[in-house]
Amino acid sequence: MKVTFHPQKKVRIEMLPLIDIVFLVLVFFIYAMLSMAVHRGLPVVLPTSSTSKIDKRLVLSVTVKADGTIFLDQEKVMLEDLSALLKNRANGYKESGVLLFGDRNLSYQQLFRVLDQIRIAGLQRISLQSEVEQ
């Protein structure tokens, strides 16, 4: 009786499932980083807008709560000191901008006082933040 041996195939790692997993992990990390970039302000109830977009190139975050307290990057500041602090923090950046988080129940007058201080600091790129309307 003649016994024939079949040559064994070489073991190899399939690349297609590996590529799928790598892309899935990459998408997860990109999505996680983009969602973290927005949360530089303090939690306030933002107004809603159907056309709101997030500008990722902005540097500073100003939050105005409903009671009128102002925060610059989570540090409580007075309205009178806001323009000087913004000038100091934006000094080294060419295209400095401000993410302005204003509470939904904030009056226009309080919001415009903060906007005036931002403009006095010489910052022209101001982005009013809102939530996407559902």
C-alpha atoms as a PDB file:
ATOM      1  CA  MET A   1       0.000   0.000   0.000  1.00  0.00           C
ATOM      2  CA  LYS A   2       1.355   3.323  -1.007  1.00  0.00           C
ATOM      3  CA  VAL A   3       0.913   6.231   1.424  1.00  0.00           C
ATOM      4  CA  THR A   4       1.148   9.695  -0.037  1.00  0.00           C
ATOM      5  CA  PHE A   5       1.969  12.651   2.101  1.00  0.00           C
ATOM      6  CA  HIS A   6       0.463  15.934   1.158  1.00  0.00           C
ATOM      7  CA  PRO A   7       2.831  18.821   1.623  1.00  0.00           C
ATOM      8  CA  GLN A   8       1.667  21.003   4.497  1.00  0.00           C
ATOM      9  CA  LYS A   9       0.616  24.519   3.712  1.00  0.00           C
ATOM     10  CA  LYS A  10       2.510  27.290   5.396  1.00  0.00           C
ATOM     11  CA  VAL A  11       0.754  28.949   8.270  1.00  0.00           C
ATOM     12  CA  ARG A  12       0.004  32.557   7.514  1.00  0.00           C
ATOM     13  CA  ILE A  13      -1.713  35.453   9.191  1.00  0.00           C
ATOM     14  CA  GLU A  14      -4.698  36.782   7.320  1.00  0.00           C
ATOM     15  CA  MET A  15      -4.318  40.529   6.833  1.00  0.00           C
ATOM     16  CA  LEU A  16      -7.874  41.565   5.930  1.00  0.00           C
ATOM     17  CA  PRO A  17      -9.412  41.010   9.391  1.00  0.00           C
ATOM     18  CA  LEU A  18      -6.377  42.695  10.948  1.00  0.00           C
ATOM     19  CA  ILE A  19      -6.820  45.757   8.728  1.00  0.00           C
ATOM     20  CA  ASP A  20     -10.529  45.909   9.622  1.00  0.00           C
ATOM     21  CA  ILE A  21      -9.747  45.900  13.325  1.00  0.00           C
ATOM     22  CA  VAL A  22      -7.038  48.556  12.959  1.00  0.00           C
ATOM     23  CA  PHE A  23      -9.414  50.872  11.090  1.00  0.00           C
ATOM     24  CA  LEU A  24     -12.132  50.303  13.671  1.00  0.00           C
ATOM     25  CA  VAL A  25      -9.767  51.237  16.507  1.00  0.00           C
ATOM     26  CA  LEU A  26      -8.550  54.276  14.544  1.00  0.00           C
ATOM     27  CA  VAL A  27     -12.111  55.513  13.993  1.00  0.00           C
ATOM     28  CA  PHE A  28     -12.890  55.022  17.681  1.00  0.00           C
ATOM     29  CA  PHE A  29      -9.892  57.087  18.803  1.00  0.00           C
ATOM     30  CA  ILE A  30     -10.562  59.861  16.287  1.00  0.00           C
ATOM     31  CA  TYR A  31     -14.184  60.111  17.410  1.00  0.00           C
ATOM     32  CA  ALA A  32     -13.147  60.101  21.073  1.00  0.00           C
ATOM     33  CA  MET A  33     -10.591  62.880  20.535  1.00  0.00           C
ATOM     34  CA  LEU A  34     -13.035  65.057  18.597  1.00  0.00           C
ATOM     35  CA  SER A  35     -15.691  64.723  21.264  1.00  0.00           C
ATOM     36  CA  MET A  36     -13.195  65.604  24.022  1.00  0.00           C
ATOM     37  CA  ALA A  37     -12.016  68.762  22.290  1.00  0.00           C
ATOM     38  CA  VAL A  38     -15.375  70.445  22.794  1.00  0.00           C
ATOM     39  CA  HIS A  39     -15.613  70.047  26.549  1.00  0.00           C
ATOM     40  CA  ARG A  40     -13.229  72.796  27.601  1.00  0.00           C
ATOM     41  CA  GLY A  41     -15.985  74.907  29.137  1.00  0.00           C
ATOM     42  CA  LEU A  42     -17.923  74.348  32.293  1.00  0.00           C
ATOM     43  CA  PRO A  43     -21.290  72.612  32.152  1.00  0.00           C
ATOM     44  CA  VAL A  44     -24.074  75.061  31.314  1.00  0.00           C
ATOM     45  CA  VAL A  45     -27.397  74.595  29.552  1.00  0.00           C
ATOM     46  CA  LEU A  46     -26.580  75.760  26.031  1.00  0.00           C
ATOM     47  CA  PRO A  47     -29.146  77.081  23.577  1.00  0.00           C
ATOM     48  CA  THR A  48     -29.970  74.853  20.611  1.00  0.00           C
ATOM     49  CA  SER A  49     -29.395  75.502  16.925  1.00  0.00           C
ATOM     50  CA  SER A  50     -30.075  73.386  13.858  1.00  0.00           C
ATOM     51  CA  THR A  51     -26.952  74.667  12.044  1.00  0.00           C
ATOM     52  CA  SER A  52     -24.365  74.715  14.838  1.00  0.00           C
ATOM     53  CA  LYS A  53     -20.828  73.571  14.057  1.00  0.00           C
ATOM     54  CA  ILE A  54     -17.723  73.254  16.218  1.00  0.00           C
ATOM     55  CA  ASP A  55     -14.596  75.203  15.320  1.00  0.00           C
ATOM     56  CA  LYS A  56     -11.632  73.148  16.538  1.00  0.00           C
ATOM     57  CA  ARG A  57      -8.993  75.814  15.891  1.00  0.00           C
ATOM     58  CA  LEU A  58     -10.035  78.086  18.731  1.00  0.00           C
ATOM     59  CA  VAL A  59      -7.870  78.324  21.779  1.00  0.00           C
ATOM     60  CA  LEU A  60      -9.606  79.947  24.753  1.00  0.00           C
ATOM     61  CA  SER A  61     -12.860  79.069  26.471  1.00  0.00           C
ATOM     62  CA  VAL A  62     -15.090  81.624  28.195  1.00  0.00           C
ATOM     63  CA  THR A  63     -18.121  80.338  30.103  1.00  0.00           C
ATOM     64  CA  VAL A  64     -20.877  82.597  31.443  1.00  0.00           C
ATOM     65  CA  LYS A  65     -23.320  80.925  33.815  1.00  0.00           C
ATOM     66  CA  ALA A  66     -26.935  81.955  34.335  1.00  0.00           C
ATOM     67  CA  ASP A  67     -26.095  83.898  37.495  1.00  0.00           C
ATOM     68  CA  GLY A  68     -23.518  85.991  35.607  1.00  0.00           C
ATOM     69  CA  THR A  69     -20.318  84.379  36.892  1.00  0.00           C
ATOM     70  CA  ILE A  70     -17.587  84.263  34.259  1.00  0.00           C
ATOM     71  CA  PHE A  71     -14.973  81.537  33.840  1.00  0.00           C
ATOM     72  CA  LEU A  72     -11.907  81.603  31.613  1.00  0.00           C
ATOM     73  CA  ASP A  73     -10.820  78.010  30.960  1.00  0.00           C
ATOM     74  CA  GLN A  74     -12.538  76.851  34.194  1.00  0.00           C
ATOM     75  CA  GLU A  75     -10.963  79.659  36.270  1.00  0.00           C
ATOM     76  CA  LYS A  76     -13.366  82.182  37.793  1.00  0.00           C
ATOM     77  CA  VAL A  77     -12.624  85.765  36.701  1.00  0.00           C
ATOM     78  CA  MET A  78     -14.206  89.176  37.143  1.00  0.00           C
ATOM     79  CA  LEU A  79     -15.669  90.978  34.133  1.00  0.00           C
ATOM     80  CA  GLU A  80     -13.207  93.859  34.527  1.00  0.00           C
ATOM     81  CA  ASP A  81     -10.199  91.491  34.421  1.00  0.00           C
ATOM     82  CA  LEU A  82     -11.407  89.422  31.459  1.00  0.00           C
ATOM     83  CA  SER A  83      -9.855  91.471  28.629  1.00  0.00           C
ATOM     84  CA  ALA A  84      -6.415  91.631  30.292  1.00  0.00           C
ATOM     85  CA  LEU A  85      -6.412  87.888  30.979  1.00  0.00           C
ATOM     86  CA  LEU A  86      -7.483  87.127  27.408  1.00  0.00           C
ATOM     87  CA  LYS A  87      -4.674  89.313  26.029  1.00  0.00           C
ATOM     88  CA  ASN A  88      -2.122  87.515  28.186  1.00  0.00           C
ATOM     89  CA  ARG A  89      -3.300  84.017  27.263  1.00  0.00           C
ATOM     90  CA  ALA A  90      -3.689  84.708  23.538  1.00  0.00           C
ATOM     91  CA  ASN A  91      -0.389  86.542  23.188  1.00  0.00           C
ATOM     92  CA  GLY A  92       1.565  83.721  21.555  1.00  0.00           C
ATOM     93  CA  TYR A  93      -1.106  82.520  19.126  1.00  0.00           C
ATOM     94  CA  LYS A  94      -1.523  84.003  15.666  1.00  0.00           C
ATOM     95  CA  GLU A  95      -5.132  82.984  15.089  1.00  0.00           C
ATOM     96  CA  SER A  96      -6.435  83.062  18.626  1.00  0.00           C
ATOM     97  CA  GLY A  97     -10.125  82.720  19.121  1.00  0.00           C
ATOM     98  CA  VAL A  98     -12.653  82.271  21.870  1.00  0.00           C
ATOM     99  CA  LEU A  99     -15.237  79.576  22.447  1.00  0.00           C
ATOM    100  CA  LEU A 100     -18.039  81.402  24.249  1.00  0.00           C
ATOM    101  CA  PHE A 101     -20.346  79.180  26.296  1.00  0.00           C
ATOM    102  CA  GLY A 102     -23.332  81.249  27.434  1.00  0.00           C
ATOM    103  CA  ASP A 103     -26.122  79.761  29.494  1.00  0.00           C
ATOM    104  CA  ARG A 104     -29.510  79.630  27.832  1.00  0.00           C
ATOM    105  CA  ASN A 105     -31.079  81.781  30.581  1.00  0.00           C
ATOM    106  CA  LEU A 106     -28.410  84.496  30.368  1.00  0.00           C
ATOM    107  CA  SER A 107     -29.662  87.979  29.475  1.00  0.00           C
ATOM    108  CA  TYR A 108     -28.457  89.662  26.295  1.00  0.00           C
ATOM    109  CA  GLN A 109     -26.989  92.529  28.292  1.00  0.00           C
ATOM    110  CA  GLN A 110     -24.721  90.235  30.300  1.00  0.00           C
ATOM    111  CA  LEU A 111     -23.667  88.384  27.158  1.00  0.00           C
ATOM    112  CA  PHE A 112     -22.824  91.619  25.339  1.00  0.00           C
ATOM    113  CA  ARG A 113     -20.740  92.846  28.259  1.00  0.00           C
ATOM    114  CA  VAL A 114     -18.619  89.734  27.946  1.00  0.00           C
ATOM    115  CA  LEU A 115     -18.462  90.098  24.148  1.00  0.00           C
ATOM    116  CA  ASP A 116     -17.260  93.686  24.559  1.00  0.00           C
ATOM    117  CA  GLN A 117     -14.458  92.563  26.869  1.00  0.00           C
ATOM    118  CA  ILE A 118     -13.402  89.916  24.364  1.00  0.00           C
ATOM    119  CA  ARG A 119     -13.255  92.493  21.575  1.00  0.00           C
ATOM    120  CA  ILE A 120     -11.322  94.928  23.795  1.00  0.00           C
ATOM    121  CA  ALA A 121      -8.741  92.142  24.206  1.00  0.00           C
ATOM    122  CA  GLY A 122      -8.277  92.237  20.427  1.00  0.00           C
ATOM    123  CA  LEU A 123      -9.798  88.849  19.674  1.00  0.00           C
ATOM    124  CA  GLN A 124     -12.020  88.846  16.621  1.00  0.00           C
ATOM    125  CA  ARG A 125     -12.682  85.121  16.223  1.00  0.00           C
ATOM    126  CA  ILE A 126     -15.541  84.421  18.611  1.00  0.00           C
ATOM    127  CA  SER A 127     -17.624  81.277  18.400  1.00  0.00           C
ATOM    128  CA  LEU A 128     -20.907  81.188  20.323  1.00  0.00           C
ATOM    129  CA  GLN A 129     -21.445  77.578  21.355  1.00  0.00           C
ATOM    130  CA  SER A 130     -24.771  75.793  21.224  1.00  0.00           C
ATOM    131  CA  GLU A 131     -26.155  72.288  21.245  1.00  0.00           C
ATOM    132  CA  VAL A 132     -27.487  70.632  18.116  1.00  0.00           C
ATOM    133  CA  GLU A 133     -31.283  70.782  17.994  1.00  0.00           C
ATOM    134  CA  GLN A 134     -32.878  67.343  18.071  1.00  0.00           C
END
